[in-house]
Amino acid sequence: MVKKVVLLFLFLFVLVAIQIDALAQCAMCKATLEAGGGQKGTIGAGLNTGILYLMSVPYIAGVVLAFFWYKNAKAKKKAAFVQKGLE
C-alpha cells in the first residue's frame, strides 16, 4: 500500500516537474480578437467576462457538492449517535 502511494506521488511529481511550454490559445478566440477591428477593447472585455464565467461554474458546483456532502455526513453521524444511545 505504501509503495503504491509513493509511486503515485512520484508520478505526479514527474508530471508537474516536466512541463512542456505550450503557446496554445483557442483559435476561435484569437480569430475573434484579430477580426474585431477597432473594437478590440470591448471584444476583449466581453471575452474575459466569458472566460471568468466558464471558470467559475466548476468552483460553484464543487462548493454546492461539498455543502451537500457535509450535510449528509453530519446527518449520518447524528443518526449513528442517536442509534448508539438507544442501544
Protein backbone atom coordinates (compact mmCIF):
# COMPACT_ATOMS: atom_id res chain seq x y z
CA MET A 1 0.00 0.00 0.00
CA VAL A 2 2.75 2.45 0.97
CA LYS A 3 4.68 1.57 -2.17
CA LYS A 4 1.66 2.44 -4.34
CA VAL A 5 1.24 5.80 -2.62
CA VAL A 6 4.93 6.62 -3.04
CA LEU A 7 4.79 5.66 -6.72
CA LEU A 8 1.68 7.79 -7.22
CA PHE A 9 3.33 10.85 -5.64
CA LEU A 10 6.48 10.24 -7.66
CA PHE A 11 4.44 10.02 -10.86
CA LEU A 12 2.55 13.23 -10.02
CA PHE A 13 5.82 14.98 -9.19
CA VAL A 14 7.29 13.98 -12.54
CA LEU A 15 4.18 15.25 -14.34
CA VAL A 16 4.42 18.61 -12.59
CA ALA A 17 8.21 18.91 -12.88
CA ILE A 18 8.39 18.12 -16.60
CA GLN A 19 6.18 20.70 -18.18
CA ILE A 20 6.13 21.40 -21.86
CA ASP A 21 5.63 25.05 -22.64
CA ALA A 22 2.67 25.37 -24.91
CA LEU A 23 1.79 28.55 -26.69
CA ALA A 24 -1.77 27.43 -27.01
CA GLN A 25 -4.67 29.75 -27.49
CA CYS A 26 -8.13 28.99 -28.62
CA ALA A 27 -8.12 29.51 -32.37
CA MET A 28 -11.63 30.92 -32.30
CA CYS A 29 -10.73 33.40 -29.55
CA LYS A 30 -7.66 34.56 -31.43
CA ALA A 31 -9.61 34.96 -34.66
CA THR A 32 -12.34 36.92 -32.88
CA LEU A 33 -9.84 39.33 -31.35
CA GLU A 34 -7.95 39.78 -34.62
CA ALA A 35 -11.14 40.37 -36.61
CA GLY A 36 -12.51 42.80 -34.05
CA GLY A 37 -11.13 45.80 -35.90
CA GLY A 38 -11.36 48.98 -33.82
CA GLN A 39 -13.47 47.32 -31.14
CA LYS A 40 -10.64 45.35 -29.52
CA GLY A 41 -11.29 46.82 -26.08
CA THR A 42 -14.96 45.87 -25.95
CA ILE A 43 -14.49 42.46 -27.54
CA GLY A 44 -11.58 41.69 -25.23
CA ALA A 45 -13.60 42.70 -22.16
CA GLY A 46 -16.50 40.51 -23.25
CA LEU A 47 -14.15 37.63 -23.93
CA ASN A 48 -12.57 37.99 -20.48
CA THR A 49 -16.01 38.05 -18.86
CA GLY A 50 -16.95 34.85 -20.68
CA ILE A 51 -13.74 33.16 -19.58
CA LEU A 52 -14.35 34.15 -15.95
CA TYR A 53 -17.91 32.85 -16.19
CA LEU A 54 -16.77 29.50 -17.58
CA MET A 55 -14.04 29.28 -14.94
CA SER A 56 -16.40 29.97 -12.02
CA VAL A 57 -19.02 27.31 -12.83
CA PRO A 58 -16.92 24.27 -11.75
CA TYR A 59 -15.97 26.01 -8.50
CA ILE A 60 -19.59 26.82 -7.71
CA ALA A 61 -20.58 23.23 -8.47
CA GLY A 62 -17.79 21.99 -6.19
CA VAL A 63 -18.94 24.21 -3.33
CA VAL A 64 -22.54 23.02 -3.70
CA LEU A 65 -21.39 19.38 -3.81
CA ALA A 66 -19.20 19.87 -0.71
CA PHE A 67 -22.10 21.52 1.13
CA PHE A 68 -24.47 18.61 0.48
CA TRP A 69 -21.73 16.10 1.30
CA TYR A 70 -21.15 17.87 4.64
CA LYS A 71 -24.87 17.94 5.44
CA ASN A 72 -25.20 14.22 4.60
CA ALA A 73 -22.17 13.28 6.72
CA LYS A 74 -23.49 15.34 9.61
CA ALA A 75 -26.91 13.66 9.38
CA LYS A 76 -25.32 10.18 9.28
CA LYS A 77 -23.17 10.98 12.31
CA LYS A 78 -26.22 12.25 14.22
CA ALA A 79 -28.24 9.14 13.27
CA ALA A 80 -25.40 6.87 14.42
CA PHE A 81 -25.17 8.77 17.71
CA VAL A 82 -28.91 8.50 18.31
CA GLN A 83 -28.90 4.78 17.44
CA LYS A 84 -25.95 4.16 19.73
CA GLY A 85 -27.69 6.00 22.55
CA LEU A 86 -30.83 3.84 22.21
CA GLU A 87 -28.95 0.54 22.47
